[in-house]
């Protein structure tokens, strides 16, 4: 409990998918646990919106070199980010 061992990452057609909800996205050790499981696509469902949330997602996408399925994806080869749902 609390060590990240209960987080799961799933193999999908778009990459290794994992997720956090709402305020869990602000917990660096929770994100690190998912990264250590080989996360490639992070699902971040939340009611939050606006520039503060988009800034958070840009940071998370760059930090973990992941694509975020809520608002943001990062092209890890070129370092670009783009907003929008996909």
PDB file of N, CA and C in Angstrom:
ATOM      1  N   UNK A   1       0.827  -1.179   0.000  1.00  0.00           N
ATOM      2  CA  UNK A   1       0.000   0.000   0.000  1.00  0.00           C
ATOM      3  C   UNK A   1       0.871   1.242   0.000  1.00  0.00           C
ATOM      4  N   UNK A   2       0.605   2.123  -0.944  1.00  0.00           N
ATOM      5  CA  UNK A   2       1.333   3.371  -1.019  1.00  0.00           C
ATOM      6  C   UNK A   2       2.679   3.282  -1.705  1.00  0.00           C
ATOM      7  N   UNK A   3       3.067   2.083  -2.166  1.00  0.00           N
ATOM      8  CA  UNK A   3       4.373   1.944  -2.805  1.00  0.00           C
ATOM      9  C   UNK A   3       4.271   1.840  -4.320  1.00  0.00           C
ATOM     10  N   UNK A   4       3.092   1.987  -4.888  1.00  0.00           N
ATOM     11  CA  UNK A   4       2.903   1.925  -6.326  1.00  0.00           C
ATOM     12  C   UNK A   4       2.718   0.526  -6.870  1.00  0.00           C
ATOM     13  N   UNK A   5       2.814  -0.478  -6.022  1.00  0.00           N
ATOM     14  CA  UNK A   5       2.707  -1.856  -6.499  1.00  0.00           C
ATOM     15  C   UNK A   5       1.296  -2.227  -6.950  1.00  0.00           C
ATOM     16  N   UNK A   6       0.308  -1.435  -6.573  1.00  0.00           N
ATOM     17  CA  UNK A   6      -1.066  -1.743  -6.974  1.00  0.00           C
ATOM     18  C   UNK A   6      -1.472  -1.042  -8.267  1.00  0.00           C
ATOM     19  N   UNK A   7      -0.602  -0.184  -8.812  1.00  0.00           N
ATOM     20  CA  UNK A   7      -0.880   0.443 -10.102  1.00  0.00           C
ATOM     21  C   UNK A   7      -0.653  -0.565 -11.207  1.00  0.00           C
ATOM     22  N   UNK A   8      -1.441  -0.459 -12.276  1.00  0.00           N
ATOM     23  CA  UNK A   8      -1.290  -1.338 -13.426  1.00  0.00           C
ATOM     24  C   UNK A   8      -1.103  -0.514 -14.688  1.00  0.00           C
ATOM     25  N   UNK A   9      -0.365  -1.068 -15.627  1.00  0.00           N
ATOM     26  CA  UNK A   9      -0.211  -0.525 -16.970  1.00  0.00           C
ATOM     27  C   UNK A   9      -0.606  -1.641 -17.924  1.00  0.00           C
ATOM     28  N   UNK A  10      -1.420  -1.309 -18.918  1.00  0.00           N
ATOM     29  CA  UNK A  10      -1.990  -2.315 -19.816  1.00  0.00           C
ATOM     30  C   UNK A  10      -1.464  -2.130 -21.237  1.00  0.00           C
ATOM     31  N   UNK A  11      -1.098  -3.223 -21.879  1.00  0.00           N
ATOM     32  CA  UNK A  11      -0.695  -3.186 -23.285  1.00  0.00           C
ATOM     33  C   UNK A  11      -1.926  -2.970 -24.148  1.00  0.00           C
ATOM     34  N   UNK A  12      -1.881  -1.933 -25.008  1.00  0.00           N
ATOM     35  CA  UNK A  12      -2.979  -1.642 -25.930  1.00  0.00           C
ATOM     36  C   UNK A  12      -2.385  -1.371 -27.309  1.00  0.00           C
ATOM     37  N   UNK A  13      -3.246  -1.187 -28.292  1.00  0.00           N
ATOM     38  CA  UNK A  13      -2.799  -0.888 -29.653  1.00  0.00           C
ATOM     39  C   UNK A  13      -2.088   0.462 -29.753  1.00  0.00           C
ATOM     40  N   UNK A  14      -2.378   1.376 -28.831  1.00  0.00           N
ATOM     41  CA  UNK A  14      -1.758   2.705 -28.874  1.00  0.00           C
ATOM     42  C   UNK A  14      -0.561   2.834 -27.944  1.00  0.00           C
ATOM     43  N   UNK A  15      -0.235   1.798 -27.200  1.00  0.00           N
ATOM     44  CA  UNK A  15       0.891   1.828 -26.274  1.00  0.00           C
ATOM     45  C   UNK A  15       0.491   1.311 -24.907  1.00  0.00           C
ATOM     46  N   UNK A  16       1.428   1.363 -23.986  1.00  0.00           N
ATOM     47  CA  UNK A  16       1.174   0.888 -22.619  1.00  0.00           C
ATOM     48  C   UNK A  16       0.396   1.963 -21.870  1.00  0.00           C
ATOM     49  N   UNK A  17      -0.861   1.642 -21.518  1.00  0.00           N
ATOM     50  CA  UNK A  17      -1.831   2.592 -20.975  1.00  0.00           C
ATOM     51  C   UNK A  17      -1.969   2.447 -19.465  1.00  0.00           C
ATOM     52  N   UNK A  18      -1.955   3.581 -18.787  1.00  0.00           N
ATOM     53  CA  UNK A  18      -2.221   3.633 -17.353  1.00  0.00           C
ATOM     54  C   UNK A  18      -2.993   4.900 -17.053  1.00  0.00           C
ATOM     55  N   UNK A  19      -3.425   5.068 -15.825  1.00  0.00           N
ATOM     56  CA  UNK A  19      -4.197   6.259 -15.531  1.00  0.00           C
ATOM     57  C   UNK A  19      -4.207   6.643 -14.073  1.00  0.00           C
ATOM     58  N   UNK A  20      -4.456   7.915 -13.872  1.00  0.00           N
ATOM     59  CA  UNK A  20      -4.676   8.504 -12.553  1.00  0.00           C
ATOM     60  C   UNK A  20      -5.910   9.383 -12.686  1.00  0.00           C
ATOM     61  N   UNK A  21      -6.626   9.605 -11.598  1.00  0.00           N
ATOM     62  CA  UNK A  21      -7.811  10.449 -11.678  1.00  0.00           C
ATOM     63  C   UNK A  21      -7.634  11.699 -10.820  1.00  0.00           C
ATOM     64  N   UNK A  22      -8.202  12.758 -11.311  1.00  0.00           N
ATOM     65  CA  UNK A  22      -8.324  14.018 -10.594  1.00  0.00           C
ATOM     66  C   UNK A  22      -7.020  14.445  -9.929  1.00  0.00           C
ATOM     67  N   UNK A  23      -7.025  14.621  -8.624  1.00  0.00           N
ATOM     68  CA  UNK A  23      -5.859  15.151  -7.916  1.00  0.00           C
ATOM     69  C   UNK A  23      -4.701  14.168  -7.838  1.00  0.00           C
ATOM     70  N   UNK A  24      -4.928  12.883  -8.144  1.00  0.00           N
ATOM     71  CA  UNK A  24      -3.817  11.931  -8.179  1.00  0.00           C
ATOM     72  C   UNK A  24      -2.760  12.365  -9.194  1.00  0.00           C
ATOM     73  N   UNK A  25      -3.174  13.111 -10.213  1.00  0.00           N
ATOM     74  CA  UNK A  25      -2.242  13.573 -11.240  1.00  0.00           C
ATOM     75  C   UNK A  25      -1.205  14.547 -10.697  1.00  0.00           C
ATOM     76  N   UNK A  26      -1.451  15.119  -9.532  1.00  0.00           N
ATOM     77  CA  UNK A  26      -0.503  16.046  -8.910  1.00  0.00           C
ATOM     78  C   UNK A  26       0.466  15.341  -7.958  1.00  0.00           C
ATOM     79  N   UNK A  27       0.442  14.019  -7.916  1.00  0.00           N
ATOM     80  CA  UNK A  27       1.291  13.253  -6.998  1.00  0.00           C
ATOM     81  C   UNK A  27       2.471  12.672  -7.782  1.00  0.00           C
ATOM     82  N   UNK A  28       3.656  13.270  -7.654  1.00  0.00           N
ATOM     83  CA  UNK A  28       4.806  12.817  -8.446  1.00  0.00           C
ATOM     84  C   UNK A  28       5.160  11.348  -8.254  1.00  0.00           C
ATOM     85  N   UNK A  29       5.053  10.828  -7.043  1.00  0.00           N
ATOM     86  CA  UNK A  29       5.419   9.427  -6.833  1.00  0.00           C
ATOM     87  C   UNK A  29       4.413   8.475  -7.460  1.00  0.00           C
ATOM     88  N   UNK A  30       3.162   8.882  -7.578  1.00  0.00           N
ATOM     89  CA  UNK A  30       2.179   8.049  -8.281  1.00  0.00           C
ATOM     90  C   UNK A  30       2.528   7.986  -9.765  1.00  0.00           C
ATOM     91  N   UNK A  31       2.884   9.136 -10.341  1.00  0.00           N
ATOM     92  CA  UNK A  31       3.289   9.151 -11.749  1.00  0.00           C
ATOM     93  C   UNK A  31       4.560   8.332 -11.948  1.00  0.00           C
ATOM     94  N   UNK A  32       5.510   8.478 -11.043  1.00  0.00           N
ATOM     95  CA  UNK A  32       6.761   7.727 -11.141  1.00  0.00           C
ATOM     96  C   UNK A  32       6.510   6.221 -11.122  1.00  0.00           C
ATOM     97  N   UNK A  33       5.586   5.787 -10.291  1.00  0.00           N
ATOM     98  CA  UNK A  33       5.263   4.356 -10.236  1.00  0.00           C
ATOM     99  C   UNK A  33       4.764   3.879 -11.595  1.00  0.00           C
ATOM    100  N   UNK A  34       3.910   4.663 -12.244  1.00  0.00           N
ATOM    101  CA  UNK A  34       3.418   4.281 -13.570  1.00  0.00           C
ATOM    102  C   UNK A  34       4.543   4.299 -14.600  1.00  0.00           C
ATOM    103  N   UNK A  35       5.410   5.306 -14.538  1.00  0.00           N
ATOM    104  CA  UNK A  35       6.544   5.359 -15.463  1.00  0.00           C
ATOM    105  C   UNK A  35       7.421   4.109 -15.303  1.00  0.00           C
ATOM    106  N   UNK A  36       7.614   3.674 -14.077  1.00  0.00           N
ATOM    107  CA  UNK A  36       8.474   2.515 -13.833  1.00  0.00           C
ATOM    108  C   UNK A  36       7.862   1.222 -14.371  1.00  0.00           C
ATOM    109  N   UNK A  37       6.533   1.211 -14.579  1.00  0.00           N
ATOM    110  CA  UNK A  37       5.863   0.060 -15.183  1.00  0.00           C
ATOM    111  C   UNK A  37       5.873   0.145 -16.704  1.00  0.00           C
ATOM    112  N   UNK A  38       6.509   1.165 -17.266  1.00  0.00           N
ATOM    113  CA  UNK A  38       6.617   1.284 -18.721  1.00  0.00           C
ATOM    114  C   UNK A  38       5.496   2.066 -19.379  1.00  0.00           C
ATOM    115  N   UNK A  39       4.871   2.960 -18.636  1.00  0.00           N
ATOM    116  CA  UNK A  39       3.767   3.771 -19.148  1.00  0.00           C
ATOM    117  C   UNK A  39       4.164   4.528 -20.405  1.00  0.00           C
ATOM    118  N   UNK A  40       3.280   4.520 -21.417  1.00  0.00           N
ATOM    119  CA  UNK A  40       3.462   5.314 -22.637  1.00  0.00           C
ATOM    120  C   UNK A  40       2.302   6.268 -22.881  1.00  0.00           C
ATOM    121  N   UNK A  41       1.097   5.879 -22.430  1.00  0.00           N
ATOM    122  CA  UNK A  41      -0.097   6.714 -22.593  1.00  0.00           C
ATOM    123  C   UNK A  41      -0.745   6.854 -21.224  1.00  0.00           C
ATOM    124  N   UNK A  42      -0.902   8.096 -20.784  1.00  0.00           N
ATOM    125  CA  UNK A  42      -1.485   8.363 -19.472  1.00  0.00           C
ATOM    126  C   UNK A  42      -2.898   8.911 -19.639  1.00  0.00           C
ATOM    127  N   UNK A  43      -3.879   8.218 -19.078  1.00  0.00           N
ATOM    128  CA  UNK A  43      -5.259   8.709 -19.052  1.00  0.00           C
ATOM    129  C   UNK A  43      -5.431   9.537 -17.783  1.00  0.00           C
ATOM    130  N   UNK A  44      -5.959  10.751 -17.930  1.00  0.00           N
ATOM    131  CA  UNK A  44      -6.055  11.667 -16.793  1.00  0.00           C
ATOM    132  C   UNK A  44      -7.463  12.250 -16.663  1.00  0.00           C
ATOM    133  N   UNK A  45      -8.470  11.425 -16.435  1.00  0.00           N
ATOM    134  CA  UNK A  45      -9.830  11.964 -16.328  1.00  0.00           C
ATOM    135  C   UNK A  45      -9.984  12.879 -15.109  1.00  0.00           C
ATOM    136  N   UNK A  46     -10.588  14.024 -15.334  1.00  0.00           N
ATOM    137  CA  UNK A  46     -10.827  15.002 -14.272  1.00  0.00           C
ATOM    138  C   UNK A  46     -11.871  16.007 -14.742  1.00  0.00           C
ATOM    139  N   UNK A  47     -12.438  16.734 -13.833  1.00  0.00           N
ATOM    140  CA  UNK A  47     -13.354  17.805 -14.208  1.00  0.00           C
ATOM    141  C   UNK A  47     -12.600  19.109 -14.413  1.00  0.00           C
ATOM    142  N   UNK A  48     -11.358  19.142 -14.002  1.00  0.00           N
ATOM    143  CA  UNK A  48     -10.539  20.359 -14.092  1.00  0.00           C
ATOM    144  C   UNK A  48     -10.345  20.762 -15.553  1.00  0.00           C
ATOM    145  N   UNK A  49     -10.151  22.051 -15.784  1.00  0.00           N
ATOM    146  CA  UNK A  49      -9.898  22.559 -17.127  1.00  0.00           C
ATOM    147  C   UNK A  49      -9.224  23.914 -17.005  1.00  0.00           C
ATOM    148  N   UNK A  50      -8.865  24.475 -18.098  1.00  0.00           N
ATOM    149  CA  UNK A  50      -8.242  25.781 -18.090  1.00  0.00           C
ATOM    150  C   UNK A  50      -6.732  25.691 -18.138  1.00  0.00           C
ATOM    151  N   UNK A  51      -6.106  26.840 -18.222  1.00  0.00           N
ATOM    152  CA  UNK A  51      -4.662  26.906 -18.397  1.00  0.00           C
ATOM    153  C   UNK A  51      -3.866  26.255 -17.270  1.00  0.00           C
ATOM    154  N   UNK A  52      -4.239  26.397 -16.003  1.00  0.00           N
ATOM    155  CA  UNK A  52      -3.464  25.697 -14.969  1.00  0.00           C
ATOM    156  C   UNK A  52      -3.430  24.177 -15.191  1.00  0.00           C
ATOM    157  N   UNK A  53      -4.552  23.602 -15.583  1.00  0.00           N
ATOM    158  CA  UNK A  53      -4.594  22.165 -15.838  1.00  0.00           C
ATOM    159  C   UNK A  53      -3.786  21.809 -17.086  1.00  0.00           C
ATOM    160  N   UNK A  54      -3.921  22.609 -18.137  1.00  0.00           N
ATOM    161  CA  UNK A  54      -3.149  22.350 -19.353  1.00  0.00           C
ATOM    162  C   UNK A  54      -1.651  22.454 -19.082  1.00  0.00           C
ATOM    163  N   UNK A  55      -1.252  23.402 -18.253  1.00  0.00           N
ATOM    164  CA  UNK A  55       0.158  23.520 -17.875  1.00  0.00           C
ATOM    165  C   UNK A  55       0.628  22.269 -17.140  1.00  0.00           C
ATOM    166  N   UNK A  56      -0.214  21.758 -16.255  1.00  0.00           N
ATOM    167  CA  UNK A  56       0.116  20.527 -15.543  1.00  0.00           C
ATOM    168  C   UNK A  56       0.305  19.376 -16.525  1.00  0.00           C
ATOM    169  N   UNK A  57      -0.595  19.245 -17.485  1.00  0.00           N
ATOM    170  CA  UNK A  57      -0.497  18.150 -18.442  1.00  0.00           C
ATOM    171  C   UNK A  57       0.720  18.278 -19.341  1.00  0.00           C
ATOM    172  N   UNK A  58       1.067  19.511 -19.708  1.00  0.00           N
ATOM    173  CA  UNK A  58       2.299  19.702 -20.496  1.00  0.00           C
ATOM    174  C   UNK A  58       3.505  19.244 -19.692  1.00  0.00           C
ATOM    175  N   UNK A  59       3.528  19.605 -18.417  1.00  0.00           N
ATOM    176  CA  UNK A  59       4.622  19.195 -17.547  1.00  0.00           C
ATOM    177  C   UNK A  59       4.685  17.673 -17.427  1.00  0.00           C
ATOM    178  N   UNK A  60       3.548  17.036 -17.173  1.00  0.00           N
ATOM    179  CA  UNK A  60       3.504  15.587 -16.990  1.00  0.00           C
ATOM    180  C   UNK A  60       3.922  14.869 -18.275  1.00  0.00           C
ATOM    181  N   UNK A  61       3.448  15.350 -19.422  1.00  0.00           N
ATOM    182  CA  UNK A  61       3.806  14.718 -20.698  1.00  0.00           C
ATOM    183  C   UNK A  61       5.309  14.788 -20.935  1.00  0.00           C
ATOM    184  N   UNK A  62       5.911  15.931 -20.609  1.00  0.00           N
ATOM    185  CA  UNK A  62       7.366  16.070 -20.785  1.00  0.00           C
ATOM    186  C   UNK A  62       8.126  15.269 -19.736  1.00  0.00           C
ATOM    187  N   UNK A  63       7.671  15.327 -18.508  1.00  0.00           N
ATOM    188  CA  UNK A  63       8.339  14.630 -17.411  1.00  0.00           C
ATOM    189  C   UNK A  63       8.451  13.134 -17.691  1.00  0.00           C
ATOM    190  N   UNK A  64       7.349  12.530 -18.110  1.00  0.00           N
ATOM    191  CA  UNK A  64       7.337  11.086 -18.291  1.00  0.00           C
ATOM    192  C   UNK A  64       7.537  10.642 -19.719  1.00  0.00           C
ATOM    193  N   UNK A  65       7.677  11.644 -20.622  1.00  0.00           N
ATOM    194  CA  UNK A  65       7.783  11.319 -22.042  1.00  0.00           C
ATOM    195  C   UNK A  65       6.631  10.403 -22.461  1.00  0.00           C
ATOM    196  N   UNK A  66       5.422  10.825 -22.082  1.00  0.00           N
ATOM    197  CA  UNK A  66       4.216  10.047 -22.357  1.00  0.00           C
ATOM    198  C   UNK A  66       3.234  10.884 -23.164  1.00  0.00           C
ATOM    199  N   UNK A  67       2.256  10.210 -23.726  1.00  0.00           N
ATOM    200  CA  UNK A  67       1.123  10.883 -24.347  1.00  0.00           C
ATOM    201  C   UNK A  67       0.004  10.880 -23.331  1.00  0.00           C
ATOM    202  N   UNK A  68      -0.681  11.997 -23.219  1.00  0.00           N
ATOM    203  CA  UNK A  68      -1.764  12.111 -22.251  1.00  0.00           C
ATOM    204  C   UNK A  68      -3.089  12.134 -22.998  1.00  0.00           C
ATOM    205  N   UNK A  69      -3.998  11.238 -22.629  1.00  0.00           N
ATOM    206  CA  UNK A  69      -5.251  11.072 -23.360  1.00  0.00           C
ATOM    207  C   UNK A  69      -6.352  12.034 -22.990  1.00  0.00           C
ATOM    208  N   UNK A  70      -6.138  12.934 -22.060  1.00  0.00           N
ATOM    209  CA  UNK A  70      -7.194  13.866 -21.689  1.00  0.00           C
ATOM    210  C   UNK A  70      -7.116  15.120 -22.555  1.00  0.00           C
ATOM    211  N   UNK A  71      -5.999  15.821 -22.512  1.00  0.00           N
ATOM    212  CA  UNK A  71      -5.861  17.073 -23.244  1.00  0.00           C
ATOM    213  C   UNK A  71      -4.569  17.200 -24.028  1.00  0.00           C
ATOM    214  N   UNK A  72      -3.593  16.385 -23.710  1.00  0.00           N
ATOM    215  CA  UNK A  72      -2.262  16.687 -24.195  1.00  0.00           C
ATOM    216  C   UNK A  72      -1.566  15.442 -24.709  1.00  0.00           C
ATOM    217  N   UNK A  73      -0.781  15.586 -25.746  1.00  0.00           N
ATOM    218  CA  UNK A  73       0.146  14.532 -26.140  1.00  0.00           C
ATOM    219  C   UNK A  73       1.477  15.170 -26.423  1.00  0.00           C
ATOM    220  N   UNK A  74       2.510  14.410 -26.240  1.00  0.00           N
ATOM    221  CA  UNK A  74       3.853  14.914 -26.501  1.00  0.00           C
ATOM    222  C   UNK A  74       4.520  14.009 -27.518  1.00  0.00           C
ATOM    223  N   UNK A  75       5.093  14.603 -28.555  1.00  0.00           N
ATOM    224  CA  UNK A  75       5.889  13.866 -29.524  1.00  0.00           C
ATOM    225  C   UNK A  75       7.285  13.765 -28.922  1.00  0.00           C
ATOM    226  N   UNK A  76       7.627  12.602 -28.401  1.00  0.00           N
ATOM    227  CA  UNK A  76       8.888  12.472 -27.672  1.00  0.00           C
ATOM    228  C   UNK A  76      10.099  12.522 -28.588  1.00  0.00           C
ATOM    229  N   UNK A  77       9.906  12.400 -29.894  1.00  0.00           N
ATOM    230  CA  UNK A  77      11.042  12.483 -30.795  1.00  0.00           C
ATOM    231  C   UNK A  77      11.422  13.942 -31.077  1.00  0.00           C
ATOM    232  N   UNK A  78      10.415  14.823 -31.070  1.00  0.00           N
ATOM    233  CA  UNK A  78      10.697  16.227 -31.385  1.00  0.00           C
ATOM    234  C   UNK A  78      10.439  17.176 -30.239  1.00  0.00           C
ATOM    235  N   UNK A  79       9.906  16.672 -29.130  1.00  0.00           N
ATOM    236  CA  UNK A  79       9.661  17.507 -27.978  1.00  0.00           C
ATOM    237  C   UNK A  79       8.482  18.461 -28.114  1.00  0.00           C
ATOM    238  N   UNK A  80       7.630  18.238 -29.100  1.00  0.00           N
ATOM    239  CA  UNK A  80       6.483  19.137 -29.295  1.00  0.00           C
ATOM    240  C   UNK A  80       5.304  18.657 -28.445  1.00  0.00           C
ATOM    241  N   UNK A  81       4.462  19.593 -28.025  1.00  0.00           N
ATOM    242  CA  UNK A  81       3.214  19.227 -27.378  1.00  0.00           C
ATOM    243  C   UNK A  81       2.069  19.856 -28.160  1.00  0.00           C
ATOM    244  N   UNK A  82       0.910  19.253 -28.070  1.00  0.00           N
ATOM    245  CA  UNK A  82      -0.260  19.749 -28.765  1.00  0.00           C
ATOM    246  C   UNK A  82      -1.474  19.538 -27.877  1.00  0.00           C
ATOM    247  N   UNK A  83      -2.345  20.534 -27.767  1.00  0.00           N
ATOM    248  CA  UNK A  83      -3.517  20.363 -26.928  1.00  0.00           C
ATOM    249  C   UNK A  83      -4.682  19.835 -27.757  1.00  0.00           C
ATOM    250  N   UNK A  84      -5.601  19.175 -27.082  1.00  0.00           N
ATOM    251  CA  UNK A  84      -6.795  18.628 -27.704  1.00  0.00           C
ATOM    252  C   UNK A  84      -7.000  17.182 -27.304  1.00  0.00           C
ATOM    253  N   UNK A  85      -8.223  16.743 -27.343  1.00  0.00           N
ATOM    254  CA  UNK A  85      -8.528  15.351 -27.022  1.00  0.00           C
ATOM    255  C   UNK A  85      -8.243  14.470 -28.228  1.00  0.00           C
ATOM    256  N   UNK A  86      -7.862  13.240 -27.989  1.00  0.00           N
ATOM    257  CA  UNK A  86      -7.669  12.292 -29.090  1.00  0.00           C
ATOM    258  C   UNK A  86      -8.148  10.948 -28.697  1.00  0.00           C
TER     259      UNK A  86
END
